[in-house]
Amino acid sequence: MMLAYLPANKRTYLSLSGARRSEGEDMLEIRTVAADRGATKRDDVIETYIAFISDDRQSISDSIYAGRINL
């Protein structure tokens, strides 16, 4: 699972099922907006989180804060 949160506009983007861990990378598409439904704040940071699940779906990790991305 990959999750990106844009706190300025309270927007969340997520992917519940992504690439296999053995691939070593995945991509989450995020479209930032300058104003959304009357909001005047501009997205300038993205908070990111990841989590993993086993192939048999029996083990799930806690979510892990992956860091802040400054735009």
N, C-alpha and C. Protein backbone atom coordinates (compact mmCIF):
# COMPACT_ATOMS: atom_id res chain seq x y z
N MET A 1 0.85 -1.16 0.00
CA MET A 1 0.00 0.00 0.00
C MET A 1 0.90 1.22 0.00
N MET A 2 0.56 2.17 -0.81
CA MET A 2 1.25 3.46 -0.82
C MET A 2 0.21 4.54 -0.59
N LEU A 3 0.56 5.52 0.24
CA LEU A 3 -0.35 6.60 0.53
C LEU A 3 0.42 7.91 0.53
N ALA A 4 -0.17 8.92 -0.08
CA ALA A 4 0.40 10.27 -0.08
C ALA A 4 -0.68 11.22 0.42
N TYR A 5 -0.31 12.08 1.37
CA TYR A 5 -1.25 13.03 1.95
C TYR A 5 -0.73 14.43 1.72
N LEU A 6 -1.58 15.30 1.16
CA LEU A 6 -1.25 16.70 0.94
C LEU A 6 -2.01 17.52 1.97
N PRO A 7 -1.36 17.88 3.08
CA PRO A 7 -2.07 18.51 4.19
C PRO A 7 -2.67 19.88 3.89
N ALA A 8 -2.09 20.65 3.00
CA ALA A 8 -2.61 22.00 2.73
C ALA A 8 -4.04 21.95 2.21
N ASN A 9 -4.34 20.98 1.37
CA ASN A 9 -5.70 20.87 0.82
C ASN A 9 -6.42 19.62 1.29
N LYS A 10 -5.83 18.91 2.26
CA LYS A 10 -6.44 17.71 2.85
C LYS A 10 -6.82 16.68 1.80
N ARG A 11 -5.92 16.47 0.85
CA ARG A 11 -6.15 15.49 -0.22
C ARG A 11 -5.30 14.26 0.04
N THR A 12 -5.85 13.09 -0.27
CA THR A 12 -5.15 11.83 -0.09
C THR A 12 -5.16 11.05 -1.40
N TYR A 13 -4.02 10.46 -1.73
CA TYR A 13 -3.88 9.59 -2.89
C TYR A 13 -3.36 8.26 -2.38
N LEU A 14 -3.92 7.15 -2.87
CA LEU A 14 -3.42 5.87 -2.39
C LEU A 14 -3.54 4.79 -3.45
N SER A 15 -2.73 3.78 -3.25
CA SER A 15 -2.76 2.58 -4.07
C SER A 15 -2.74 1.41 -3.10
N LEU A 16 -3.81 0.61 -3.09
CA LEU A 16 -3.89 -0.51 -2.17
C LEU A 16 -3.09 -1.71 -2.64
N SER A 17 -2.89 -1.82 -3.94
CA SER A 17 -2.15 -2.94 -4.49
C SER A 17 -1.20 -2.42 -5.55
N GLY A 18 0.07 -2.62 -5.34
CA GLY A 18 1.05 -2.09 -6.27
C GLY A 18 1.94 -3.18 -6.84
N ALA A 19 3.12 -2.79 -7.19
CA ALA A 19 4.10 -3.71 -7.75
C ALA A 19 4.55 -4.71 -6.69
N ARG A 20 5.06 -5.82 -7.12
CA ARG A 20 5.63 -6.80 -6.20
C ARG A 20 6.87 -6.21 -5.54
N ARG A 21 7.09 -6.55 -4.31
CA ARG A 21 8.23 -6.01 -3.57
C ARG A 21 9.55 -6.35 -4.26
N SER A 22 9.63 -7.50 -4.90
CA SER A 22 10.86 -7.92 -5.57
C SER A 22 11.24 -6.98 -6.73
N GLU A 23 10.27 -6.23 -7.25
CA GLU A 23 10.58 -5.28 -8.32
C GLU A 23 11.39 -4.09 -7.80
N GLY A 24 11.30 -3.82 -6.52
CA GLY A 24 12.11 -2.78 -5.90
C GLY A 24 11.64 -1.36 -6.10
N GLU A 25 10.56 -1.15 -6.84
CA GLU A 25 10.04 0.20 -7.03
C GLU A 25 8.59 0.15 -7.46
N ASP A 26 7.92 1.25 -7.25
CA ASP A 26 6.54 1.42 -7.69
C ASP A 26 6.31 2.91 -7.85
N MET A 27 5.19 3.29 -8.43
CA MET A 27 4.91 4.69 -8.68
C MET A 27 3.46 4.99 -8.30
N LEU A 28 3.26 6.12 -7.62
CA LEU A 28 1.94 6.58 -7.25
C LEU A 28 1.71 7.91 -7.94
N GLU A 29 0.70 7.98 -8.77
CA GLU A 29 0.41 9.22 -9.50
C GLU A 29 -0.30 10.21 -8.58
N ILE A 30 0.24 11.42 -8.53
CA ILE A 30 -0.32 12.48 -7.70
C ILE A 30 -0.48 13.73 -8.55
N ARG A 31 -1.68 14.28 -8.55
CA ARG A 31 -1.92 15.53 -9.25
C ARG A 31 -2.20 16.60 -8.22
N THR A 32 -1.29 17.57 -8.10
CA THR A 32 -1.50 18.65 -7.13
C THR A 32 -2.41 19.71 -7.73
N VAL A 33 -3.07 20.43 -6.87
CA VAL A 33 -3.98 21.49 -7.31
C VAL A 33 -3.65 22.77 -6.56
N ALA A 34 -3.79 23.89 -7.24
CA ALA A 34 -3.54 25.19 -6.61
C ALA A 34 -4.70 25.57 -5.71
N ALA A 35 -5.90 25.31 -6.14
CA ALA A 35 -7.09 25.61 -5.33
C ALA A 35 -8.14 24.55 -5.62
N ASP A 36 -8.77 24.07 -4.58
CA ASP A 36 -9.76 23.01 -4.73
C ASP A 36 -11.00 23.39 -3.93
N ARG A 37 -12.11 23.54 -4.61
CA ARG A 37 -13.38 23.88 -3.95
C ARG A 37 -13.27 25.11 -3.07
N GLY A 38 -12.65 26.13 -3.62
CA GLY A 38 -12.56 27.39 -2.89
C GLY A 38 -11.36 27.52 -1.99
N ALA A 39 -10.56 26.46 -1.86
CA ALA A 39 -9.37 26.55 -1.00
C ALA A 39 -8.37 27.51 -1.61
N THR A 40 -7.69 28.25 -0.76
CA THR A 40 -6.70 29.20 -1.25
C THR A 40 -5.28 28.73 -1.00
N LYS A 41 -5.13 27.68 -0.22
CA LYS A 41 -3.79 27.16 0.06
C LYS A 41 -3.26 26.39 -1.13
N ARG A 42 -1.94 26.44 -1.30
CA ARG A 42 -1.28 25.71 -2.38
C ARG A 42 -0.55 24.52 -1.77
N ASP A 43 -0.67 23.37 -2.45
CA ASP A 43 0.06 22.19 -1.99
C ASP A 43 1.55 22.46 -2.11
N ASP A 44 2.28 22.30 -1.00
CA ASP A 44 3.72 22.51 -1.07
C ASP A 44 4.51 21.37 -0.44
N VAL A 45 3.83 20.48 0.29
CA VAL A 45 4.49 19.29 0.82
C VAL A 45 3.57 18.08 0.67
N ILE A 46 4.19 16.92 0.57
CA ILE A 46 3.46 15.66 0.52
C ILE A 46 4.04 14.76 1.61
N GLU A 47 3.19 14.22 2.47
CA GLU A 47 3.60 13.26 3.49
C GLU A 47 3.33 11.87 2.92
N THR A 48 4.32 10.96 3.00
CA THR A 48 4.17 9.65 2.36
C THR A 48 4.28 8.51 3.37
N TYR A 49 3.53 7.43 3.10
CA TYR A 49 3.49 6.25 3.95
C TYR A 49 3.46 5.00 3.07
N ILE A 50 4.00 3.88 3.59
CA ILE A 50 3.95 2.61 2.88
C ILE A 50 3.60 1.51 3.87
N ALA A 51 3.10 0.39 3.35
CA ALA A 51 2.85 -0.82 4.13
C ALA A 51 2.99 -2.00 3.18
N PHE A 52 3.24 -3.18 3.75
CA PHE A 52 3.43 -4.39 2.94
C PHE A 52 2.52 -5.50 3.43
N ILE A 53 2.17 -6.41 2.51
CA ILE A 53 1.37 -7.58 2.83
C ILE A 53 2.04 -8.80 2.20
N SER A 54 1.97 -9.93 2.88
CA SER A 54 2.59 -11.14 2.36
C SER A 54 1.78 -11.71 1.20
N ASP A 55 2.42 -12.57 0.39
CA ASP A 55 1.72 -13.18 -0.75
C ASP A 55 0.46 -13.94 -0.34
N ASP A 56 0.52 -14.60 0.82
CA ASP A 56 -0.65 -15.37 1.26
C ASP A 56 -1.68 -14.52 2.01
N ARG A 57 -1.41 -13.23 2.11
CA ARG A 57 -2.32 -12.26 2.74
C ARG A 57 -2.53 -12.50 4.23
N GLN A 58 -1.65 -13.26 4.86
CA GLN A 58 -1.78 -13.58 6.28
C GLN A 58 -1.01 -12.62 7.17
N SER A 59 0.01 -11.98 6.63
CA SER A 59 0.83 -11.06 7.43
C SER A 59 0.81 -9.68 6.78
N ILE A 60 0.54 -8.67 7.60
CA ILE A 60 0.50 -7.30 7.12
C ILE A 60 1.36 -6.44 8.04
N SER A 61 2.20 -5.62 7.45
CA SER A 61 3.04 -4.74 8.26
C SER A 61 2.23 -3.57 8.78
N ASP A 62 2.76 -2.91 9.81
CA ASP A 62 2.22 -1.61 10.21
C ASP A 62 2.59 -0.62 9.10
N SER A 63 1.85 0.46 8.99
CA SER A 63 2.25 1.48 8.02
C SER A 63 3.52 2.15 8.52
N ILE A 64 4.33 2.58 7.57
CA ILE A 64 5.62 3.21 7.86
C ILE A 64 5.63 4.58 7.22
N TYR A 65 5.99 5.59 7.99
CA TYR A 65 6.14 6.93 7.45
C TYR A 65 7.38 6.94 6.58
N ALA A 66 7.23 7.26 5.30
CA ALA A 66 8.33 7.21 4.35
C ALA A 66 8.98 8.56 4.11
N GLY A 67 8.41 9.61 4.67
CA GLY A 67 9.06 10.91 4.57
C GLY A 67 8.20 11.98 3.93
N ARG A 68 8.76 13.18 3.94
CA ARG A 68 8.11 14.36 3.38
C ARG A 68 8.77 14.72 2.07
N ILE A 69 7.96 15.06 1.09
CA ILE A 69 8.46 15.55 -0.20
C ILE A 69 8.08 17.01 -0.29
N ASN A 70 9.07 17.88 -0.44
CA ASN A 70 8.81 19.31 -0.62
C ASN A 70 8.69 19.62 -2.11
N LEU A 71 7.61 20.25 -2.48
CA LEU A 71 7.37 20.58 -3.88
C LEU A 71 7.95 21.94 -4.22
